[in-house]
Structure formats: structure tokens, C-alpha cells
Protein backbone atom coordinates (compact mmCIF):
# COMPACT_ATOMS: atom_id res chain seq x y z
CA GLN A 1 -6.08 -0.75 41.03
CA VAL A 2 -7.94 0.16 44.21
CA CYS A 3 -6.31 -2.83 45.89
CA ALA A 4 -2.91 -1.63 44.69
CA SER A 5 -3.54 1.85 46.12
CA LEU A 6 -4.64 0.42 49.45
CA GLN A 7 -1.68 -1.94 49.55
CA GLU A 8 0.66 1.01 49.05
CA ALA A 9 -1.08 3.02 51.79
CA HIS A 10 -1.04 0.06 54.20
CA SER A 11 2.63 -0.64 53.45
CA ILE A 12 3.58 2.83 54.73
CA GLY A 13 1.36 2.50 57.77
CA LEU A 14 -1.82 4.32 56.71
CA ILE A 15 -5.43 3.10 56.99
CA HIS A 16 -7.83 5.00 54.74
CA ARG A 17 -11.03 4.51 56.82
CA ASP A 18 -13.40 5.95 54.19
CA ILE A 19 -13.24 3.73 51.12
CA LYS A 20 -16.50 4.22 49.19
CA PRO A 21 -17.55 4.83 45.56
CA LEU A 22 -17.39 8.64 45.91
CA ASN A 23 -13.73 8.36 46.91
CA ILE A 24 -12.78 6.32 43.85
CA LEU A 25 -12.18 8.27 40.65
CA LEU A 26 -12.11 6.56 37.27
CA CYS A 27 -10.29 8.69 34.71
CA ARG A 28 -7.76 8.74 31.90
CA MET A 29 -4.12 9.31 32.75
CA GLY A 30 -1.64 10.19 30.02
CA GLY A 31 -4.15 8.98 27.43
CA GLU A 32 -4.55 5.62 29.14
CA PRO A 33 -8.19 4.70 29.90
CA ASP A 34 -9.55 3.25 33.12
CA PHE A 35 -6.96 4.74 35.45
CA VAL A 36 -8.22 4.59 39.04
CA LYS A 37 -7.36 7.04 41.82
CA VAL A 38 -8.24 6.54 45.47
CA LEU A 39 -9.14 9.94 46.89
CA ASP A 40 -9.69 11.70 50.21
CA PHE A 41 -7.29 10.54 52.89
CA GLY A 42 -8.85 13.06 55.26
CA LEU A 43 -9.84 10.33 57.74
CA ALA A 44 -6.68 8.28 57.29
CA ARG A 45 -4.69 7.41 60.39
CA GLU A 46 -1.36 5.79 61.06
CA ILE A 47 -1.63 2.14 62.04
CA GLU A 48 1.01 2.25 64.77
CA LEU A 49 0.00 5.49 66.47
CA PRO A 50 -2.75 5.86 69.09
CA GLU A 51 -5.79 7.57 67.62
CA ASP A 52 -6.53 11.17 68.55
CA GLN A 53 -9.04 11.18 71.38
CA SER A 54 -11.25 13.60 69.46
CA LEU A 55 -11.79 10.89 66.87
CA THR A 56 -12.43 8.04 69.29
CA SER A 57 -15.33 9.34 71.35
CA PRO A 58 -17.95 6.59 71.84
CA GLN A 59 -20.50 9.05 70.44
CA ILE A 60 -18.61 9.70 67.19
CA ILE A 61 -17.77 7.19 64.47
CA HIS A 62 -16.13 8.77 61.44
CA GLY A 63 -16.95 7.32 58.05
CA THR A 64 -19.91 6.43 55.83
CA PRO A 65 -22.43 4.02 57.41
CA LEU A 66 -22.73 1.57 54.50
CA TYR A 67 -18.95 1.19 54.32
CA ILE A 68 -17.94 1.08 57.99
CA ALA A 69 -16.67 -2.29 59.22
CA PRO A 70 -18.72 -3.86 62.07
CA GLU A 71 -15.80 -3.89 64.53
CA ARG A 72 -15.52 -0.11 64.21
CA LEU A 73 -19.21 0.23 65.09
CA ARG A 74 -18.62 -1.79 68.25
CA ASP A 75 -15.46 0.10 69.17
CA PRO A 76 -14.15 3.01 67.05
CA LYS A 77 -10.66 2.40 68.44
CA ASN A 78 -10.67 -1.20 67.17
CA ILE A 79 -9.16 -0.62 63.77
CA ASP A 80 -6.59 -2.19 61.49
CA LEU A 81 -6.09 -2.52 57.74
CA ARG A 82 -8.89 -5.12 57.50
CA CYS A 83 -11.39 -2.29 58.07
CA ASP A 84 -10.41 -1.04 54.61
CA ILE A 85 -10.85 -4.59 53.27
CA TYR A 86 -14.44 -4.58 54.51
CA SER A 87 -15.10 -1.25 52.80
CA LEU A 88 -13.50 -2.63 49.65
CA GLY A 89 -15.99 -5.50 49.71
CA ALA A 90 -18.91 -3.08 50.09
CA VAL A 91 -17.68 -1.10 47.08
CA GLY A 92 -17.32 -4.32 45.09
CA TYR A 93 -20.86 -5.34 45.98
CA ASN A 94 -22.17 -1.95 44.83
CA LEU A 95 -20.29 -2.13 41.53
CA LEU A 96 -21.45 -5.66 40.74
CA THR A 97 -25.11 -5.14 41.64
CA GLY A 98 -25.77 -1.42 41.29
CA LYS A 99 -27.28 -1.60 44.79
CA ASP A 100 -26.25 -0.73 48.31
CA LEU A 101 -25.18 -3.58 50.54
CA TYR A 102 -28.03 -2.91 52.98
CA ARG A 103 -31.13 -0.72 52.91
CA GLY A 104 -32.18 1.43 55.82
CA ALA A 105 -33.93 4.68 56.61
CA SER A 106 -31.23 5.89 58.97
CA ALA A 107 -27.58 5.47 59.90
CA LEU A 108 -28.73 3.55 62.98
CA GLU A 109 -30.69 1.04 60.90
CA LEU A 110 -27.80 0.60 58.46
CA SER A 111 -25.44 0.05 61.37
CA HIS A 112 -27.76 -2.60 62.80
CA HIS A 113 -27.66 -4.46 59.46
CA THR A 114 -23.87 -4.20 59.37
CA LEU A 115 -23.62 -5.75 62.83
CA HIS A 116 -26.32 -8.41 62.62
CA SER A 117 -27.68 -9.10 59.11
CA ALA A 118 -26.36 -11.88 56.91
CA VAL A 119 -24.06 -10.73 54.13
CA PRO A 120 -25.91 -10.98 50.78
CA ARG A 121 -24.09 -12.47 47.84
CA PRO A 122 -23.70 -10.22 44.79
CA SER A 123 -24.92 -13.08 42.58
CA GLU A 124 -28.27 -13.02 44.39
CA ASN A 125 -28.90 -9.39 43.45
CA SER A 126 -27.35 -8.93 40.04
CA ALA A 127 -28.49 -9.51 36.48
CA LEU A 128 -24.86 -10.06 35.54
CA ALA A 129 -23.23 -13.48 35.56
CA ILE A 130 -20.73 -13.27 38.42
CA PRO A 131 -17.98 -15.90 38.66
CA PRO A 132 -18.32 -17.95 41.86
CA GLU A 133 -14.77 -17.03 42.89
CA LEU A 134 -15.54 -13.30 42.69
CA ASP A 135 -18.87 -13.82 44.46
CA GLN A 136 -17.05 -15.56 47.33
CA LEU A 137 -14.28 -12.94 47.46
CA ILE A 138 -16.82 -10.16 48.03
CA VAL A 139 -18.52 -12.17 50.77
CA ASP A 140 -15.15 -12.89 52.40
CA CYS A 141 -14.21 -9.19 52.36
CA LEU A 142 -17.53 -8.45 54.10
CA ALA A 143 -17.09 -11.03 56.84
CA LYS A 144 -18.24 -9.82 60.26
CA ASP A 145 -15.08 -11.23 61.84
CA PRO A 146 -11.95 -9.47 60.52
CA ALA A 147 -10.04 -12.75 60.82
CA ASP A 148 -12.25 -14.22 58.09
CA ARG A 149 -11.42 -11.49 55.56
CA PRO A 150 -8.47 -11.47 53.17
CA ALA A 151 -5.45 -10.57 55.25
CA SER A 152 -4.35 -7.79 52.91
CA ALA A 153 -5.32 -5.81 49.83
CA ARG A 154 -2.58 -7.69 48.00
CA GLU A 155 -4.26 -11.02 48.81
CA ALA A 156 -7.60 -9.72 47.49
CA MET A 157 -5.87 -8.49 44.32
CA HIS A 158 -4.15 -11.83 43.75
CA ARG A 159 -7.45 -13.67 44.18
CA MET A 160 -9.06 -11.43 41.56
CA ASP A 161 -6.17 -11.87 39.15
CA ALA A 162 -6.68 -15.64 39.31
CA ILE A 163 -10.35 -15.45 38.26
CA ALA A 164 -11.20 -16.41 34.68
CA PHE A 165 -13.87 -14.09 33.26
CA ALA A 166 -16.16 -15.04 30.41
CA THR A 167 -15.99 -11.47 29.09
CA PRO A 168 -12.57 -10.10 30.06
CA TRP A 169 -11.99 -6.36 29.94
CA ASP A 170 -8.83 -5.20 28.19
CA TRP A 171 -7.32 -1.96 26.93
CA ASP A 172 -9.30 -2.02 23.66
CA HIS A 173 -12.60 -2.48 25.50
CA ALA A 174 -11.75 0.42 27.78
CA ARG A 175 -10.73 2.71 24.91
CA GLN A 176 -13.96 1.96 23.03
CA TRP A 177 -16.04 2.64 26.16
CA TRP A 178 -14.44 6.04 26.71
CA GLU A 179 -14.81 6.98 23.04
CA ARG A 180 -18.47 5.89 23.00
CA HIS A 181 -19.30 8.06 26.04
CA GLU A 182 -17.00 11.00 25.31
CA ALA A 183 -19.87 13.38 24.53
CA GLU A 184 -21.72 12.49 27.74
CA LEU A 185 -18.55 12.95 29.80
CA LYS A 186 -17.96 16.40 28.34
CA GLN A 187 -21.62 17.36 28.78
CA GLY A 188 -21.53 16.30 32.43
CA ARG A 189 -18.39 18.30 33.11
CA ALA A 190 -19.74 21.38 31.31
CA GLY A 191 -23.03 21.24 33.22
CA ALA A 192 -21.21 20.91 36.52
CA ALA A 193 -18.96 23.85 35.66
CA ARG A 194 -21.97 26.05 34.87
CA ALA A 195 -23.64 25.05 38.13
CA GLY A 196 -20.44 25.53 40.10
CA THR A 197 -20.55 21.97 41.44
CA SER A 198 -18.64 18.76 40.98
CA SER A 199 -19.84 16.56 38.13
CA PRO A 200 -22.50 14.02 39.12
CA PHE A 201 -21.58 11.85 36.14
CA GLU A 202 -20.04 8.57 37.18
CA PRO A 203 -18.88 6.09 34.49
CA ARG A 204 -19.37 3.32 37.05
CA THR A 205 -23.08 4.14 37.41
CA LEU A 206 -23.56 4.43 33.66
CA ALA A 207 -21.93 1.06 33.07
CA VAL A 208 -24.22 -0.68 35.55
CA SER A 209 -27.40 1.01 34.35
CA ARG A 210 -26.73 0.11 30.72
CA GLY A 211 -25.97 -3.50 31.42
CA GLU A 212 -22.28 -3.30 30.60
CA SER A 213 -20.12 -5.37 32.88
CA PRO A 214 -18.18 -3.06 35.19
CA ARG A 215 -16.02 -5.97 36.33
CA GLY A 216 -12.79 -6.54 34.55
CA LYS A 217 -11.86 -2.91 35.05
CA LYS A 218 -10.23 -3.98 38.31
CA TRP A 219 -12.07 -1.45 40.44
CA THR A 220 -11.92 -3.71 43.49
């Protein structure tokens, strides 16, 4: 579903530029479970238009370090839809492993890893059994060279649709998951309302921490 949202944005000439877990909302829509919304197009820009000079200063790179494509770190003006594909791969890695793509004490250190460190495979850092095709798709999305990534969000989506999963996730699985965690969802929302903040509860995080496969929900 994230791929579908990105494909729609790209088809009308928009690059998101800030795809990350906090900008992906998993909810229910019209009673249907596992409906995904891609949020916050605040950094989006039109593909065909020159970028505002205030956003292209060599000293300023807009985005979240762990999810910024390496070519943007080298040159903030060097951007096309494959920057979103890189970020998509970083989100997929996080969902499959419960870990960040790279570890670092600062944005500078994380940026160095993005530019120079080998891309880790999700299968090397996950207790879950990850199909080889999905493992390779994440690595391809995270390629340092944009030319080595899937050419579009639609291509990434089609590659995922072709993967056979040992434990597929369907509507019944999703409905049962939401029913099982209904009380925790309500408690998280109520606590956030009392504190006057957004809810810290993320179904994605809960699924990973409890050993339930988050894949199959088509979050990447």
C-alpha cells in the first residue's frame, strides 16, 4: 500500500522526500483493517520544477538521516523518484528486523554509513524467516547507485506481489490482530489524549516485538 501511494504521488509529479516509519500510519478505514496512509508531504517537491534555493543550500539537507538516499547527501539537488525508493527500502529493513539500517551517534556518522558502508541484508539481522526474494528486494532498494534500484514504486510492488510467503497475511489475520490488541490501542490513545500528545503506540512496533510477522501486511 505504501508503494501504491508513492506510485500515485510520482505519477502526478511529486517526490515525497521523507518516507520513514513515523510518516506511515496503519489504521482501519471503513471497518477494513490494515489500511495504510502515507503522511506528511511537507517536504514534497515537484519532479519537473527547479527546487527552491532555500531548500538546496549545501549546508542544509532536509529529511531524516537514516532514510535519506546517498545521492542526496552528495548533492541535495540531485533528486528523483528513486530517492523515495531508497527510503522505502530503509523502512522495509526496519519493519523486517525491528532495527535501524545503520547505527551512529550523530547525523554525520549515520550519513557516513549511508555513503560508504555495505548494505546489510534483513535476513542477517532478523529472527524471522525472510524469503530470499524479499531479502534481495530490500537490498536492491537500498543500492548506493540509483540505477541499481527498482525503477519505480510499481516495480517494487509487483516484485513483492510475486513472492510466495510461508505464512501469508490475509483479511482474517488482520481482523484477528486488531481485535486482539483493541484494548491496548484504546489505552494508548486515551493516555496520549490525557497527556496532550500524539499516541506513541505503533502496531508495527508491537508486531515486531512480539514475534508476529509484520510482512504480508504490504507495508513496503
